Amino acid sequence: MGLTPEGRVKKSIQQWLEARQAYYYFPAQNGRGRVGIPDIIACLPHLNGRLVAIEVKAPGKRRNTTPGQDREIRWINRAGGIALVVDDVTQLEKLT
């Protein structure tokens, strides 16, 4: 079975992170974590290990966040991390 459109974006982001030797993980969505947690949590060496949280959407669906996702994104940004919503890996280029 092939990847979903969102899955393809996640795969390209994973490759982008690996090329930059970033630490990253995909939090498990098993009902025991936080509602709205971004899809990918990373620390990027070229940002001095700053926390980056990435909410991934299918192409063209970037504005379709839930209230829980909006809350988590605001909280991470307010705490000094970087949280963003992307539907294309090229949107991460502003982090370089």
Protein backbone atom coordinates (compact mmCIF):
# COMPACT_ATOMS: atom_id res chain seq x y z
CA MET A 1 0.00 0.00 0.00
CA GLY A 2 1.31 3.46 -0.89
CA LEU A 3 1.69 6.45 1.35
CA THR A 4 -1.11 8.96 1.83
CA PRO A 5 -0.50 12.52 0.59
CA GLU A 6 0.30 13.53 4.22
CA GLY A 7 2.52 10.47 4.56
CA ARG A 8 4.53 11.55 1.53
CA VAL A 9 5.08 14.98 3.08
CA LYS A 10 6.15 13.34 6.37
CA LYS A 11 8.62 11.12 4.51
CA SER A 12 10.16 14.11 2.71
CA ILE A 13 10.46 15.98 6.02
CA GLN A 14 12.12 12.95 7.62
CA GLN A 15 14.68 12.92 4.80
CA TRP A 16 15.21 16.69 5.17
CA LEU A 17 15.84 16.26 8.91
CA GLU A 18 18.22 13.33 8.39
CA ALA A 19 20.21 15.32 5.83
CA ARG A 20 20.73 17.97 8.52
CA GLN A 21 21.67 15.41 11.19
CA ALA A 22 18.72 16.49 13.31
CA TYR A 23 17.29 14.57 16.24
CA TYR A 24 13.61 13.86 15.59
CA TYR A 25 10.77 11.60 16.54
CA PHE A 26 7.13 11.03 15.71
CA PRO A 27 5.09 11.06 18.95
CA ALA A 28 2.78 8.05 19.25
CA GLN A 29 -0.88 8.98 19.03
CA ASN A 30 -2.24 6.26 21.30
CA GLY A 31 -4.68 8.22 23.44
CA ARG A 32 -2.26 8.57 26.36
CA GLY A 33 -0.43 11.67 25.18
CA ARG A 34 -1.42 15.28 24.63
CA VAL A 35 -4.29 16.14 22.33
CA GLY A 36 -3.00 18.18 19.40
CA ILE A 37 0.71 17.36 19.80
CA PRO A 38 2.52 18.10 16.51
CA ASP A 39 3.41 15.18 14.24
CA ILE A 40 7.18 15.60 14.45
CA ILE A 41 9.36 16.88 17.30
CA ALA A 42 12.94 17.73 16.36
CA CYS A 43 16.12 19.44 17.50
CA LEU A 44 18.19 20.95 14.72
CA PRO A 45 21.97 21.34 15.08
CA HIS A 46 22.10 24.51 12.97
CA LEU A 47 19.57 26.08 15.40
CA ASN A 48 21.75 25.15 18.40
CA GLY A 49 19.41 22.31 19.33
CA ARG A 50 16.31 24.48 19.50
CA LEU A 51 13.06 22.54 19.70
CA VAL A 52 11.12 22.46 16.45
CA ALA A 53 7.61 21.02 16.35
CA ILE A 54 6.11 20.30 12.95
CA GLU A 55 2.42 19.71 12.30
CA VAL A 56 2.20 18.04 8.89
CA LYS A 57 -0.78 18.40 6.59
CA ALA A 58 -1.58 17.01 3.16
CA PRO A 59 -0.81 19.42 0.31
CA GLY A 60 -3.36 22.22 0.24
CA LYS A 61 -4.63 21.45 3.77
CA ARG A 62 -2.16 23.61 5.71
CA ARG A 63 -4.90 25.77 7.23
CA ASN A 64 -6.91 22.79 8.52
CA THR A 65 -5.67 22.63 12.10
CA THR A 66 -7.76 21.60 15.07
CA PRO A 67 -8.25 23.74 18.19
CA GLY A 68 -5.97 21.32 20.06
CA GLN A 69 -3.23 21.69 17.45
CA ASP A 70 -3.58 25.47 17.53
CA ARG A 71 -3.23 25.43 21.33
CA GLU A 72 -0.08 23.28 21.25
CA ILE A 73 1.51 25.39 18.50
CA ARG A 74 0.87 28.60 20.48
CA TRP A 75 2.22 27.01 23.68
CA ILE A 76 5.44 25.79 22.03
CA ASN A 77 6.07 29.15 20.34
CA ARG A 78 5.35 31.04 23.56
CA ALA A 79 7.86 28.82 25.40
CA GLY A 80 10.61 29.71 22.91
CA GLY A 81 10.42 26.72 20.60
CA ILE A 82 9.48 26.86 16.96
CA ALA A 83 6.15 25.29 16.01
CA LEU A 84 4.80 25.43 12.51
CA VAL A 85 2.31 23.82 10.15
CA VAL A 86 3.61 22.66 6.77
CA ASP A 87 2.18 20.91 3.74
CA ASP A 88 5.44 20.86 1.77
CA VAL A 89 9.01 20.24 2.89
CA THR A 90 10.17 23.44 1.18
CA GLN A 91 8.36 25.40 3.89
CA LEU A 92 11.08 24.23 6.31
CA GLU A 93 13.77 26.06 4.35
CA LYS A 94 13.11 29.23 6.37
CA LEU A 95 14.60 27.35 9.34
CA THR A 96 18.03 27.23 7.69
